[in-house]
PDB file of N, CA and C in Angstrom:
ATOM      1  N   UNK A   1    -148.494  -1.557-107.017  1.00  0.00           N
ATOM      2  CA  UNK A   1    -149.461  -2.033-106.044  1.00  0.00           C
ATOM      3  C   UNK A   1    -150.301  -0.849-105.558  1.00  0.00           C
ATOM      4  N   UNK A   2    -151.572  -1.068-105.394  1.00  0.00           N
ATOM      5  CA  UNK A   2    -152.485  -0.026-104.944  1.00  0.00           C
ATOM      6  C   UNK A   2    -152.234   0.308-103.474  1.00  0.00           C
ATOM      7  N   UNK A   3    -152.569   1.534-103.108  1.00  0.00           N
ATOM      8  CA  UNK A   3    -152.425   2.000-101.731  1.00  0.00           C
ATOM      9  C   UNK A   3    -153.700   1.689-100.961  1.00  0.00           C
ATOM     10  N   UNK A   4    -153.549   1.195 -99.737  1.00  0.00           N
ATOM     11  CA  UNK A   4    -154.689   0.845 -98.908  1.00  0.00           C
ATOM     12  C   UNK A   4    -154.765   1.785 -97.708  1.00  0.00           C
ATOM     13  N   UNK A   5    -155.966   2.317 -97.475  1.00  0.00           N
ATOM     14  CA  UNK A   5    -156.220   3.162 -96.313  1.00  0.00           C
ATOM     15  C   UNK A   5    -157.218   2.432 -95.420  1.00  0.00           C
ATOM     16  N   UNK A   6    -156.846   2.298 -94.140  1.00  0.00           N
ATOM     17  CA  UNK A   6    -157.716   1.685 -93.122  1.00  0.00           C
ATOM     18  C   UNK A   6    -157.552   2.507 -91.853  1.00  0.00           C
ATOM     19  N   UNK A   7    -158.662   2.776 -91.190  1.00  0.00           N
ATOM     20  CA  UNK A   7    -158.569   3.541 -89.957  1.00  0.00           C
ATOM     21  C   UNK A   7    -157.948   4.910 -90.171  1.00  0.00           C
ATOM     22  N   UNK A   8    -158.191   5.477 -91.339  1.00  0.00           N
ATOM     23  CA  UNK A   8    -157.648   6.788 -91.714  1.00  0.00           C
ATOM     24  C   UNK A   8    -156.121   6.827 -91.684  1.00  0.00           C
ATOM     25  N   UNK A   9    -155.517   5.670 -91.980  1.00  0.00           N
ATOM     26  CA  UNK A   9    -154.065   5.567 -92.083  1.00  0.00           C
ATOM     27  C   UNK A   9    -153.717   4.748 -93.313  1.00  0.00           C
ATOM     28  N   UNK A  10    -152.574   5.045 -93.902  1.00  0.00           N
ATOM     29  CA  UNK A  10    -152.057   4.229 -94.996  1.00  0.00           C
ATOM     30  C   UNK A  10    -151.441   2.993 -94.368  1.00  0.00           C
ATOM     31  N   UNK A  11    -151.832   1.831 -94.849  1.00  0.00           N
ATOM     32  CA  UNK A  11    -151.335   0.577 -94.286  1.00  0.00           C
ATOM     33  C   UNK A  11    -150.785  -0.318 -95.395  1.00  0.00           C
ATOM     34  N   UNK A  12    -149.968  -1.252 -94.987  1.00  0.00           N
ATOM     35  CA  UNK A  12    -149.471  -2.281 -95.889  1.00  0.00           C
ATOM     36  C   UNK A  12    -150.245  -3.547 -95.589  1.00  0.00           C
ATOM     37  N   UNK A  13    -150.834  -4.102 -96.614  1.00  0.00           N
ATOM     38  CA  UNK A  13    -151.653  -5.289 -96.409  1.00  0.00           C
ATOM     39  C   UNK A  13    -150.807  -6.544 -96.497  1.00  0.00           C
ATOM     40  N   UNK A  14    -151.048  -7.445 -95.585  1.00  0.00           N
ATOM     41  CA  UNK A  14    -150.394  -8.748 -95.618  1.00  0.00           C
ATOM     42  C   UNK A  14    -151.030  -9.585 -96.714  1.00  0.00           C
ATOM     43  N   UNK A  15    -150.298 -10.534 -97.256  1.00  0.00           N
ATOM     44  CA  UNK A  15    -150.908 -11.434 -98.245  1.00  0.00           C
ATOM     45  C   UNK A  15    -152.100 -12.173 -97.637  1.00  0.00           C
ATOM     46  N   UNK A  16    -153.094 -12.435 -98.443  1.00  0.00           N
ATOM     47  CA  UNK A  16    -154.296 -13.136 -97.973  1.00  0.00           C
ATOM     48  C   UNK A  16    -153.944 -14.543 -97.518  1.00  0.00           C
ATOM     49  N   UNK A  17    -154.609 -14.959 -96.455  1.00  0.00           N
ATOM     50  CA  UNK A  17    -154.412 -16.322 -95.980  1.00  0.00           C
ATOM     51  C   UNK A  17    -155.510 -17.203 -96.584  1.00  0.00           C
ATOM     52  N   UNK A  18    -155.287 -18.504 -96.619  1.00  0.00           N
ATOM     53  CA  UNK A  18    -156.303 -19.407 -97.179  1.00  0.00           C
ATOM     54  C   UNK A  18    -157.621 -19.383 -96.405  1.00  0.00           C
ATOM     55  N   UNK A  19    -157.576 -18.952 -95.141  1.00  0.00           N
ATOM     56  CA  UNK A  19    -158.788 -18.915 -94.328  1.00  0.00           C
ATOM     57  C   UNK A  19    -159.665 -17.707 -94.639  1.00  0.00           C
ATOM     58  N   UNK A  20    -159.099 -16.703 -95.302  1.00  0.00           N
ATOM     59  CA  UNK A  20    -159.867 -15.494 -95.602  1.00  0.00           C
ATOM     60  C   UNK A  20    -160.871 -15.758 -96.720  1.00  0.00           C
ATOM     61  N   UNK A  21    -162.056 -15.214 -96.525  1.00  0.00           N
ATOM     62  CA  UNK A  21    -163.084 -15.297 -97.545  1.00  0.00           C
ATOM     63  C   UNK A  21    -163.440 -13.881 -97.939  1.00  0.00           C
ATOM     64  N   UNK A  22    -163.157 -13.534 -99.197  1.00  0.00           N
ATOM     65  CA  UNK A  22    -163.434 -12.194 -99.691  1.00  0.00           C
ATOM     66  C   UNK A  22    -164.590 -12.274-100.666  1.00  0.00           C
ATOM     67  N   UNK A  23    -165.587 -11.451-100.438  1.00  0.00           N
ATOM     68  CA  UNK A  23    -166.759 -11.369-101.300  1.00  0.00           C
ATOM     69  C   UNK A  23    -166.669 -10.052-102.052  1.00  0.00           C
ATOM     70  N   UNK A  24    -166.732 -10.104-103.383  1.00  0.00           N
ATOM     71  CA  UNK A  24    -166.640  -8.883-104.194  1.00  0.00           C
ATOM     72  C   UNK A  24    -167.995  -8.600-104.822  1.00  0.00           C
ATOM     73  N   UNK A  25    -168.498  -7.391-104.587  1.00  0.00           N
ATOM     74  CA  UNK A  25    -169.786  -6.988-105.136  1.00  0.00           C
ATOM     75  C   UNK A  25    -169.592  -5.921-106.204  1.00  0.00           C
ATOM     76  N   UNK A  26    -170.314  -6.074-107.271  1.00  0.00           N
ATOM     77  CA  UNK A  26    -170.325  -5.099-108.364  1.00  0.00           C
ATOM     78  C   UNK A  26    -171.524  -4.174-108.173  1.00  0.00           C
ATOM     79  N   UNK A  27    -171.556  -3.028-108.857  1.00  0.00           N
ATOM     80  CA  UNK A  27    -172.668  -2.094-108.679  1.00  0.00           C
ATOM     81  C   UNK A  27    -174.037  -2.685-109.002  1.00  0.00           C
ATOM     82  N   UNK A  28    -174.072  -3.676-109.841  1.00  0.00           N
ATOM     83  CA  UNK A  28    -175.351  -4.288-110.226  1.00  0.00           C
ATOM     84  C   UNK A  28    -175.803  -5.376-109.257  1.00  0.00           C
ATOM     85  N   UNK A  29    -174.967  -5.719-108.292  1.00  0.00           N
ATOM     86  CA  UNK A  29    -175.307  -6.783-107.339  1.00  0.00           C
ATOM     87  C   UNK A  29    -176.226  -6.273-106.235  1.00  0.00           C
ATOM     88  N   UNK A  30    -177.126  -7.122-105.827  1.00  0.00           N
ATOM     89  CA  UNK A  30    -178.006  -6.834-104.701  1.00  0.00           C
ATOM     90  C   UNK A  30    -177.420  -7.547-103.481  1.00  0.00           C
ATOM     91  N   UNK A  31    -177.036  -6.814-102.438  1.00  0.00           N
ATOM     92  CA  UNK A  31    -176.454  -7.472-101.264  1.00  0.00           C
ATOM     93  C   UNK A  31    -177.343  -8.555-100.672  1.00  0.00           C
ATOM     94  N   UNK A  32    -178.646  -8.433-100.823  1.00  0.00           N
ATOM     95  CA  UNK A  32    -179.561  -9.445-100.280  1.00  0.00           C
ATOM     96  C   UNK A  32    -179.313 -10.811-100.916  1.00  0.00           C
ATOM     97  N   UNK A  33    -178.861 -10.816-102.158  1.00  0.00           N
ATOM     98  CA  UNK A  33    -178.586 -12.077-102.845  1.00  0.00           C
ATOM     99  C   UNK A  33    -177.375 -12.796-102.251  1.00  0.00           C
ATOM    100  N   UNK A  34    -176.569 -12.073-101.474  1.00  0.00           N
ATOM    101  CA  UNK A  34    -175.363 -12.643-100.876  1.00  0.00           C
ATOM    102  C   UNK A  34    -175.466 -12.746 -99.356  1.00  0.00           C
ATOM    103  N   UNK A  35    -176.649 -12.489 -98.817  1.00  0.00           N
ATOM    104  CA  UNK A  35    -176.841 -12.438 -97.362  1.00  0.00           C
ATOM    105  C   UNK A  35    -176.360 -13.705 -96.665  1.00  0.00           C
ATOM    106  N   UNK A  36    -176.573 -14.863 -97.272  1.00  0.00           N
ATOM    107  CA  UNK A  36    -176.166 -16.120 -96.645  1.00  0.00           C
ATOM    108  C   UNK A  36    -174.649 -16.286 -96.631  1.00  0.00           C
ATOM    109  N   UNK A  37    -173.937 -15.576 -97.494  1.00  0.00           N
ATOM    110  CA  UNK A  37    -172.480 -15.678 -97.554  1.00  0.00           C
ATOM    111  C   UNK A  37    -171.783 -14.608 -96.714  1.00  0.00           C
ATOM    112  N   UNK A  38    -172.520 -13.576 -96.294  1.00  0.00           N
ATOM    113  CA  UNK A  38    -171.907 -12.486 -95.535  1.00  0.00           C
ATOM    114  C   UNK A  38    -171.334 -12.964 -94.200  1.00  0.00           C
ATOM    115  N   UNK A  39    -172.019 -13.873 -93.570  1.00  0.00           N
ATOM    116  CA  UNK A  39    -171.584 -14.373 -92.272  1.00  0.00           C
ATOM    117  C   UNK A  39    -170.192 -15.005 -92.339  1.00  0.00           C
ATOM    118  N   UNK A  40    -169.859 -15.580 -93.488  1.00  0.00           N
ATOM    119  CA  UNK A  40    -168.576 -16.253 -93.667  1.00  0.00           C
ATOM    120  C   UNK A  40    -167.486 -15.347 -94.229  1.00  0.00           C
ATOM    121  N   UNK A  41    -167.869 -14.171 -94.708  1.00  0.00           N
ATOM    122  CA  UNK A  41    -166.923 -13.284 -95.383  1.00  0.00           C
ATOM    123  C   UNK A  41    -166.031 -12.546 -94.380  1.00  0.00           C
ATOM    124  N   UNK A  42    -164.738 -12.599 -94.629  1.00  0.00           N
ATOM    125  CA  UNK A  42    -163.777 -11.837 -93.846  1.00  0.00           C
ATOM    126  C   UNK A  42    -163.821 -10.377 -94.270  1.00  0.00           C
ATOM    127  N   UNK A  43    -164.048 -10.173 -95.561  1.00  0.00           N
ATOM    128  CA  UNK A  43    -164.054  -8.821 -96.135  1.00  0.00           C
ATOM    129  C   UNK A  43    -165.019  -8.804 -97.301  1.00  0.00           C
ATOM    130  N   UNK A  44    -165.701  -7.669 -97.460  1.00  0.00           N
ATOM    131  CA  UNK A  44    -166.531  -7.450 -98.638  1.00  0.00           C
ATOM    132  C   UNK A  44    -165.916  -6.289 -99.404  1.00  0.00           C
ATOM    133  N   UNK A  45    -165.583  -6.527-100.664  1.00  0.00           N
ATOM    134  CA  UNK A  45    -165.074  -5.475-101.528  1.00  0.00           C
ATOM    135  C   UNK A  45    -166.210  -5.011-102.428  1.00  0.00           C
ATOM    136  N   UNK A  46    -166.384  -3.696-102.497  1.00  0.00           N
ATOM    137  CA  UNK A  46    -167.407  -3.112-103.359  1.00  0.00           C
ATOM    138  C   UNK A  46    -166.680  -2.355-104.460  1.00  0.00           C
ATOM    139  N   UNK A  47    -166.936  -2.751-105.700  1.00  0.00           N
ATOM    140  CA  UNK A  47    -166.231  -2.194-106.849  1.00  0.00           C
ATOM    141  C   UNK A  47    -166.925  -0.929-107.355  1.00  0.00           C
ATOM    142  N   UNK A  48    -166.126   0.104-107.583  1.00  0.00           N
ATOM    143  CA  UNK A  48    -166.579   1.354-108.190  1.00  0.00           C
ATOM    144  C   UNK A  48    -165.914   1.443-109.561  1.00  0.00           C
ATOM    145  N   UNK A  49    -166.637   1.083-110.640  1.00  0.00           N
ATOM    146  CA  UNK A  49    -166.015   1.007-111.955  1.00  0.00           C
ATOM    147  C   UNK A  49    -165.682   2.356-112.580  1.00  0.00           C
ATOM    148  N   UNK A  50    -166.378   3.423-112.187  1.00  0.00           N
ATOM    149  CA  UNK A  50    -166.071   4.745-112.727  1.00  0.00           C
ATOM    150  C   UNK A  50    -166.463   5.811-111.710  1.00  0.00           C
ATOM    151  N   UNK A  51    -165.934   6.995-111.884  1.00  0.00           N
ATOM    152  CA  UNK A  51    -166.088   8.084-110.924  1.00  0.00           C
ATOM    153  C   UNK A  51    -167.551   8.404-110.626  1.00  0.00           C
ATOM    154  N   UNK A  52    -168.386   8.457-111.629  1.00  0.00           N
ATOM    155  CA  UNK A  52    -169.770   8.884-111.450  1.00  0.00           C
ATOM    156  C   UNK A  52    -170.742   7.795-111.035  1.00  0.00           C
ATOM    157  N   UNK A  53    -170.272   6.590-110.788  1.00  0.00           N
ATOM    158  CA  UNK A  53    -171.167   5.487-110.431  1.00  0.00           C
ATOM    159  C   UNK A  53    -171.279   5.395-108.914  1.00  0.00           C
ATOM    160  N   UNK A  54    -172.381   5.871-108.360  1.00  0.00           N
ATOM    161  CA  UNK A  54    -172.545   5.935-106.922  1.00  0.00           C
ATOM    162  C   UNK A  54    -173.299   4.775-106.299  1.00  0.00           C
ATOM    163  N   UNK A  55    -173.603   3.743-107.080  1.00  0.00           N
ATOM    164  CA  UNK A  55    -174.375   2.621-106.535  1.00  0.00           C
ATOM    165  C   UNK A  55    -173.658   1.912-105.388  1.00  0.00           C
ATOM    166  N   UNK A  56    -172.330   1.936-105.401  1.00  0.00           N
ATOM    167  CA  UNK A  56    -171.565   1.289-104.337  1.00  0.00           C
ATOM    168  C   UNK A  56    -171.793   1.920-102.973  1.00  0.00           C
ATOM    169  N   UNK A  57    -172.099   3.232-102.949  1.00  0.00           N
ATOM    170  CA  UNK A  57    -172.401   3.892-101.680  1.00  0.00           C
ATOM    171  C   UNK A  57    -173.614   3.226-101.030  1.00  0.00           C
ATOM    172  N   UNK A  58    -174.635   2.969-101.834  1.00  0.00           N
ATOM    173  CA  UNK A  58    -175.847   2.319-101.330  1.00  0.00           C
ATOM    174  C   UNK A  58    -175.558   0.898-100.871  1.00  0.00           C
ATOM    175  N   UNK A  59    -174.712   0.195-101.610  1.00  0.00           N
ATOM    176  CA  UNK A  59    -174.360  -1.176-101.229  1.00  0.00           C
ATOM    177  C   UNK A  59    -173.690  -1.180 -99.856  1.00  0.00           C
ATOM    178  N   UNK A  60    -172.757  -0.259 -99.624  1.00  0.00           N
ATOM    179  CA  UNK A  60    -172.091  -0.178 -98.326  1.00  0.00           C
ATOM    180  C   UNK A  60    -173.081   0.076 -97.207  1.00  0.00           C
ATOM    181  N   UNK A  61    -173.997   0.974 -97.444  1.00  0.00           N
ATOM    182  CA  UNK A  61    -174.999   1.305 -96.417  1.00  0.00           C
ATOM    183  C   UNK A  61    -175.905   0.107 -96.135  1.00  0.00           C
ATOM    184  N   UNK A  62    -176.327  -0.587 -97.198  1.00  0.00           N
ATOM    185  CA  UNK A  62    -177.178  -1.767 -97.033  1.00  0.00           C
ATOM    186  C   UNK A  62    -176.456  -2.877 -96.265  1.00  0.00           C
ATOM    187  N   UNK A  63    -175.184  -3.083 -96.574  1.00  0.00           N
ATOM    188  CA  UNK A  63    -174.416  -4.117 -95.873  1.00  0.00           C
ATOM    189  C   UNK A  63    -174.406  -3.865 -94.373  1.00  0.00           C
ATOM    190  N   UNK A  64    -174.209  -2.625 -93.985  1.00  0.00           N
ATOM    191  CA  UNK A  64    -174.121  -2.288 -92.558  1.00  0.00           C
ATOM    192  C   UNK A  64    -175.488  -2.258 -91.886  1.00  0.00           C
ATOM    193  N   UNK A  65    -176.429  -1.545 -92.492  1.00  0.00           N
ATOM    194  CA  UNK A  65    -177.700  -1.294 -91.808  1.00  0.00           C
ATOM    195  C   UNK A  65    -178.728  -2.406 -91.977  1.00  0.00           C
ATOM    196  N   UNK A  66    -178.903  -2.894 -93.170  1.00  0.00           N
ATOM    197  CA  UNK A  66    -179.935  -3.911 -93.400  1.00  0.00           C
ATOM    198  C   UNK A  66    -179.440  -5.310 -93.094  1.00  0.00           C
ATOM    199  N   UNK A  67    -178.190  -5.583 -93.426  1.00  0.00           N
ATOM    200  CA  UNK A  67    -177.674  -6.946 -93.272  1.00  0.00           C
ATOM    201  C   UNK A  67    -176.779  -7.104 -92.051  1.00  0.00           C
ATOM    202  N   UNK A  68    -176.492  -6.019 -91.336  1.00  0.00           N
ATOM    203  CA  UNK A  68    -175.734  -6.099 -90.091  1.00  0.00           C
ATOM    204  C   UNK A  68    -174.310  -6.583 -90.235  1.00  0.00           C
ATOM    205  N   UNK A  69    -173.715  -6.412 -91.410  1.00  0.00           N
ATOM    206  CA  UNK A  69    -172.349  -6.899 -91.627  1.00  0.00           C
ATOM    207  C   UNK A  69    -171.370  -6.064 -90.802  1.00  0.00           C
ATOM    208  N   UNK A  70    -170.527  -6.738 -90.011  1.00  0.00           N
ATOM    209  CA  UNK A  70    -169.584  -6.063 -89.122  1.00  0.00           C
ATOM    210  C   UNK A  70    -168.127  -6.212 -89.558  1.00  0.00           C
ATOM    211  N   UNK A  71    -167.881  -6.989 -90.584  1.00  0.00           N
ATOM    212  CA  UNK A  71    -166.512  -7.157 -91.071  1.00  0.00           C
ATOM    213  C   UNK A  71    -166.060  -5.951 -91.877  1.00  0.00           C
ATOM    214  N   UNK A  72    -164.916  -6.093 -92.507  1.00  0.00           N
ATOM    215  CA  UNK A  72    -164.366  -4.998 -93.313  1.00  0.00           C
ATOM    216  C   UNK A  72    -165.168  -4.824 -94.592  1.00  0.00           C
ATOM    217  N   UNK A  73    -165.526  -3.576 -94.879  1.00  0.00           N
ATOM    218  CA  UNK A  73    -166.146  -3.224 -96.160  1.00  0.00           C
ATOM    219  C   UNK A  73    -165.152  -2.305 -96.862  1.00  0.00           C
ATOM    220  N   UNK A  74    -164.608  -2.796 -97.976  1.00  0.00           N
ATOM    221  CA  UNK A  74    -163.538  -2.089 -98.693  1.00  0.00           C
ATOM    222  C   UNK A  74    -164.039  -1.577-100.040  1.00  0.00           C
ATOM    223  N   UNK A  75    -163.794  -0.310-100.294  1.00  0.00           N
ATOM    224  CA  UNK A  75    -164.100   0.292-101.593  1.00  0.00           C
ATOM    225  C   UNK A  75    -162.898   0.102-102.510  1.00  0.00           C
ATOM    226  N   UNK A  76    -163.145  -0.419-103.708  1.00  0.00           N
ATOM    227  CA  UNK A  76    -162.073  -0.635-104.687  1.00  0.00           C
ATOM    228  C   UNK A  76    -162.524  -0.101-106.044  1.00  0.00           C
ATOM    229  N   UNK A  77    -161.557   0.286-106.849  1.00  0.00           N
ATOM    230  CA  UNK A  77    -161.886   0.757-108.196  1.00  0.00           C
ATOM    231  C   UNK A  77    -161.535   2.218-108.374  1.00  0.00           C
ATOM    232  N   UNK A  78    -162.401   2.928-109.054  1.00  0.00           N
ATOM    233  CA  UNK A  78    -162.152   4.324-109.402  1.00  0.00           C
ATOM    234  C   UNK A  78    -162.519   5.229-108.218  1.00  0.00           C
ATOM    235  N   UNK A  79    -161.595   5.378-107.292  1.00  0.00           N
ATOM    236  CA  UNK A  79    -161.798   6.204-106.104  1.00  0.00           C
ATOM    237  C   UNK A  79    -160.839   7.375-106.122  1.00  0.00           C
ATOM    238  N   UNK A  80    -161.302   8.499-105.630  1.00  0.00           N
ATOM    239  CA  UNK A  80    -160.439   9.653-105.439  1.00  0.00           C
ATOM    240  C   UNK A  80    -160.645  10.155-104.012  1.00  0.00           C
ATOM    241  N   UNK A  81    -159.843  11.103-103.619  1.00  0.00           N
ATOM    242  CA  UNK A  81    -159.957  11.648-102.254  1.00  0.00           C
ATOM    243  C   UNK A  81    -161.343  12.203-101.994  1.00  0.00           C
ATOM    244  N   UNK A  82    -162.012  12.691-103.028  1.00  0.00           N
ATOM    245  CA  UNK A  82    -163.347  13.271-102.868  1.00  0.00           C
ATOM    246  C   UNK A  82    -164.383  12.238-102.404  1.00  0.00           C
ATOM    247  N   UNK A  83    -164.123  10.974-102.619  1.00  0.00           N
ATOM    248  CA  UNK A  83    -165.057   9.919-102.230  1.00  0.00           C
ATOM    249  C   UNK A  83    -164.921   9.474-100.770  1.00  0.00           C
ATOM    250  N   UNK A  84    -163.730   9.571-100.219  1.00  0.00           N
ATOM    251  CA  UNK A  84    -163.421   8.867 -98.979  1.00  0.00           C
ATOM    252  C   UNK A  84    -164.314   9.225 -97.794  1.00  0.00           C
ATOM    253  N   UNK A  85    -164.508  10.493 -97.529  1.00  0.00           N
ATOM    254  CA  UNK A  85    -165.334  10.880 -96.388  1.00  0.00           C
ATOM    255  C   UNK A  85    -166.755  10.351 -96.543  1.00  0.00           C
ATOM    256  N   UNK A  86    -167.300  10.456 -97.734  1.00  0.00           N
ATOM    257  CA  UNK A  86    -168.670   9.994 -97.967  1.00  0.00           C
ATOM    258  C   UNK A  86    -168.767   8.474 -97.898  1.00  0.00           C
ATOM    259  N   UNK A  87    -167.752   7.795 -98.395  1.00  0.00           N
ATOM    260  CA  UNK A  87    -167.729   6.340 -98.285  1.00  0.00           C
ATOM    261  C   UNK A  87    -167.693   5.909 -96.822  1.00  0.00           C
ATOM    262  N   UNK A  88    -166.871   6.574 -96.038  1.00  0.00           N
ATOM    263  CA  UNK A  88    -166.790   6.251 -94.615  1.00  0.00           C
ATOM    264  C   UNK A  88    -168.152   6.456 -93.948  1.00  0.00           C
ATOM    265  N   UNK A  89    -168.837   7.493 -94.319  1.00  0.00           N
ATOM    266  CA  UNK A  89    -170.146   7.778 -93.733  1.00  0.00           C
ATOM    267  C   UNK A  89    -171.202   6.765 -94.170  1.00  0.00           C
ATOM    268  N   UNK A  90    -170.930   6.038 -95.237  1.00  0.00           N
ATOM    269  CA  UNK A  90    -171.850   4.990 -95.704  1.00  0.00           C
ATOM    270  C   UNK A  90    -171.462   3.610 -95.182  1.00  0.00           C
ATOM    271  N   UNK A  91    -170.452   3.533 -94.318  1.00  0.00           N
ATOM    272  CA  UNK A  91    -170.110   2.256 -93.698  1.00  0.00           C
ATOM    273  C   UNK A  91    -168.826   1.613 -94.178  1.00  0.00           C
ATOM    274  N   UNK A  92    -168.134   2.219 -95.124  1.00  0.00           N
ATOM    275  CA  UNK A  92    -166.864   1.662 -95.588  1.00  0.00           C
ATOM    276  C   UNK A  92    -165.785   1.966 -94.555  1.00  0.00           C
ATOM    277  N   UNK A  93    -164.896   1.003 -94.336  1.00  0.00           N
ATOM    278  CA  UNK A  93    -163.806   1.233 -93.394  1.00  0.00           C
ATOM    279  C   UNK A  93    -162.435   0.969 -93.989  1.00  0.00           C
ATOM    280  N   UNK A  94    -162.377   0.668 -95.284  1.00  0.00           N
ATOM    281  CA  UNK A  94    -161.104   0.486 -95.979  1.00  0.00           C
ATOM    282  C   UNK A  94    -161.273   0.963 -97.420  1.00  0.00           C
ATOM    283  N   UNK A  95    -160.194   1.520 -97.956  1.00  0.00           N
ATOM    284  CA  UNK A  95    -160.254   2.142 -99.270  1.00  0.00           C
ATOM    285  C   UNK A  95    -158.980   1.807-100.033  1.00  0.00           C
ATOM    286  N   UNK A  96    -159.144   1.215-101.187  1.00  0.00           N
ATOM    287  CA  UNK A  96    -158.000   0.851-102.013  1.00  0.00           C
ATOM    288  C   UNK A  96    -157.875   1.897-103.112  1.00  0.00           C
ATOM    289  N   UNK A  97    -156.847   2.754-102.994  1.00  0.00           N
ATOM    290  CA  UNK A  97    -156.650   3.816-103.964  1.00  0.00           C
ATOM    291  C   UNK A  97    -156.038   3.270-105.246  1.00  0.00           C
ATOM    292  N   UNK A  98    -156.350   3.907-106.335  1.00  0.00           N
ATOM    293  CA  UNK A  98    -155.767   3.511-107.621  1.00  0.00           C
ATOM    294  C   UNK A  98    -154.298   3.911-107.677  1.00  0.00           C
ATOM    295  N   UNK A  99    -153.585   3.277-108.577  1.00  0.00           N
ATOM    296  CA  UNK A  99    -152.194   3.653-108.832  1.00  0.00           C
ATOM    297  C   UNK A  99    -152.159   5.133-109.181  1.00  0.00           C
ATOM    298  N   UNK A 100    -151.199   5.836-108.609  1.00  0.00           N
ATOM    299  CA  UNK A 100    -151.034   7.247-108.926  1.00  0.00           C
ATOM    300  C   UNK A 100    -151.783   8.199-108.003  1.00  0.00           C
ATOM    301  N   UNK A 101    -152.723   7.688-107.212  1.00  0.00           N
ATOM    302  CA  UNK A 101    -153.429   8.553-106.254  1.00  0.00           C
ATOM    303  C   UNK A 101    -152.472   8.861-105.100  1.00  0.00           C
ATOM    304  N   UNK A 102    -152.388  10.117-104.724  1.00  0.00           N
ATOM    305  CA  UNK A 102    -151.516  10.544-103.640  1.00  0.00           C
ATOM    306  C   UNK A 102    -152.171  10.207-102.299  1.00  0.00           C
ATOM    307  N   UNK A 103    -151.594   9.288-101.524  1.00  0.00           N
ATOM    308  CA  UNK A 103    -152.227   8.889-100.263  1.00  0.00           C
ATOM    309  C   UNK A 103    -152.312  10.019 -99.237  1.00  0.00           C
ATOM    310  N   UNK A 104    -151.330  10.923 -99.222  1.00  0.00           N
ATOM    311  CA  UNK A 104    -151.366  12.038 -98.273  1.00  0.00           C
ATOM    312  C   UNK A 104    -152.529  12.965 -98.615  1.00  0.00           C
ATOM    313  N   UNK A 105    -152.702  13.264 -99.891  1.00  0.00           N
ATOM    314  CA  UNK A 105    -153.830  14.102-100.321  1.00  0.00           C
ATOM    315  C   UNK A 105    -155.152  13.386-100.051  1.00  0.00           C
ATOM    316  N   UNK A 106    -155.170  12.085-100.258  1.00  0.00           N
ATOM    317  CA  UNK A 106    -156.395  11.318-100.013  1.00  0.00           C
ATOM    318  C   UNK A 106    -156.779  11.378 -98.540  1.00  0.00           C
ATOM    319  N   UNK A 107    -155.806  11.226 -97.650  1.00  0.00           N
ATOM    320  CA  UNK A 107    -156.094  11.300 -96.221  1.00  0.00           C
ATOM    321  C   UNK A 107    -156.628  12.677 -95.827  1.00  0.00           C
ATOM    322  N   UNK A 108    -156.161  13.718 -96.484  1.00  0.00           N
ATOM    323  CA  UNK A 108    -156.649  15.071 -96.208  1.00  0.00           C
ATOM    324  C   UNK A 108    -158.130  15.200 -96.557  1.00  0.00           C
ATOM    325  N   UNK A 109    -158.618  14.352 -97.444  1.00  0.00           N
ATOM    326  CA  UNK A 109    -160.027  14.374 -97.824  1.00  0.00           C
ATOM    327  C   UNK A 109    -160.968  14.062 -96.672  1.00  0.00           C
ATOM    328  N   UNK A 110    -160.478  13.389 -95.656  1.00  0.00           N
ATOM    329  CA  UNK A 110    -161.315  13.089 -94.490  1.00  0.00           C
ATOM    330  C   UNK A 110    -161.609  14.340 -93.661  1.00  0.00           C
ATOM    331  N   UNK A 111    -160.780  15.357 -93.801  1.00  0.00           N
ATOM    332  CA  UNK A 111    -160.903  16.554 -92.967  1.00  0.00           C
ATOM    333  C   UNK A 111    -161.426  17.773 -93.722  1.00  0.00           C
ATOM    334  N   UNK A 112    -162.016  17.556 -94.879  1.00  0.00           N
ATOM    335  CA  UNK A 112    -162.503  18.670 -95.684  1.00  0.00           C
ATOM    336  C   UNK A 112    -163.650  19.400 -94.992  1.00  0.00           C
ATOM    337  N   UNK A 113    -164.539  18.659 -94.356  1.00  0.00           N
ATOM    338  CA  UNK A 113    -165.702  19.261 -93.704  1.00  0.00           C
ATOM    339  C   UNK A 113    -165.592  19.099 -92.195  1.00  0.00           C
ATOM    340  N   UNK A 114    -165.872  20.179 -91.464  1.00  0.00           N
ATOM    341  CA  UNK A 114    -165.776  20.123 -90.010  1.00  0.00           C
ATOM    342  C   UNK A 114    -167.133  19.859 -89.355  1.00  0.00           C
ATOM    343  N   UNK A 115    -168.228  20.067 -90.090  1.00  0.00           N
ATOM    344  CA  UNK A 115    -169.559  19.853 -89.545  1.00  0.00           C
ATOM    345  C   UNK A 115    -170.325  18.878 -90.427  1.00  0.00           C
ATOM    346  N   UNK A 116    -171.208  18.083 -89.787  1.00  0.00           N
ATOM    347  CA  UNK A 116    -172.019  17.123 -90.516  1.00  0.00           C
ATOM    348  C   UNK A 116    -173.478  17.358 -90.173  1.00  0.00           C
ATOM    349  N   UNK A 117    -174.314  17.266 -91.186  1.00  0.00           N
ATOM    350  CA  UNK A 117    -175.736  17.538 -90.988  1.00  0.00           C
ATOM    351  C   UNK A 117    -176.590  16.281 -91.029  1.00  0.00           C
ATOM    352  N   UNK A 118    -176.022  15.179 -91.427  1.00  0.00           N
ATOM    353  CA  UNK A 118    -176.755  13.936 -91.506  1.00  0.00           C
ATOM    354  C   UNK A 118    -176.068  12.890 -90.649  1.00  0.00           C
ATOM    355  N   UNK A 119    -176.848  11.971 -90.102  1.00  0.00           N
ATOM    356  CA  UNK A 119    -176.243  10.872 -89.356  1.00  0.00           C
ATOM    357  C   UNK A 119    -175.628   9.898 -90.359  1.00  0.00           C
ATOM    358  N   UNK A 120    -174.723   9.068 -89.897  1.00  0.00           N
ATOM    359  CA  UNK A 120    -174.082   8.105 -90.784  1.00  0.00           C
ATOM    360  C   UNK A 120    -174.020   6.745 -90.147  1.00  0.00           C
ATOM    361  N   UNK A 121    -173.690   5.760 -90.992  1.00  0.00           N
ATOM    362  CA  UNK A 121    -173.661   4.356 -90.563  1.00  0.00           C
ATOM    363  C   UNK A 121    -172.614   4.109 -89.523  1.00  0.00           C
TER     364      UNK A 121
END
């Protein structure tokens, strides 16, 4: 089972309830095409199919800033500790690590930089 980080802590996720609505976006998806479904979504998962594919960062930012989505935005797929701080700054608040990723090392990725030069979502 994959490791889940929320609120900069490793958490155990409860099984999904029938009332939950999860919307999964791929890098090729335009969040505007799903705007009418965002209001009903409990969680939006943004898939990162490979390390070098950064389109999901933009999707997270668009969900928060342009579409005003306030629910959970979860990054899933090919994530490493190097992504987490930047994902958080783009509006992601949950991160599903791949099998084999060390959660303690991943959490340390949030503290790599002590100063920030750009505002974030």
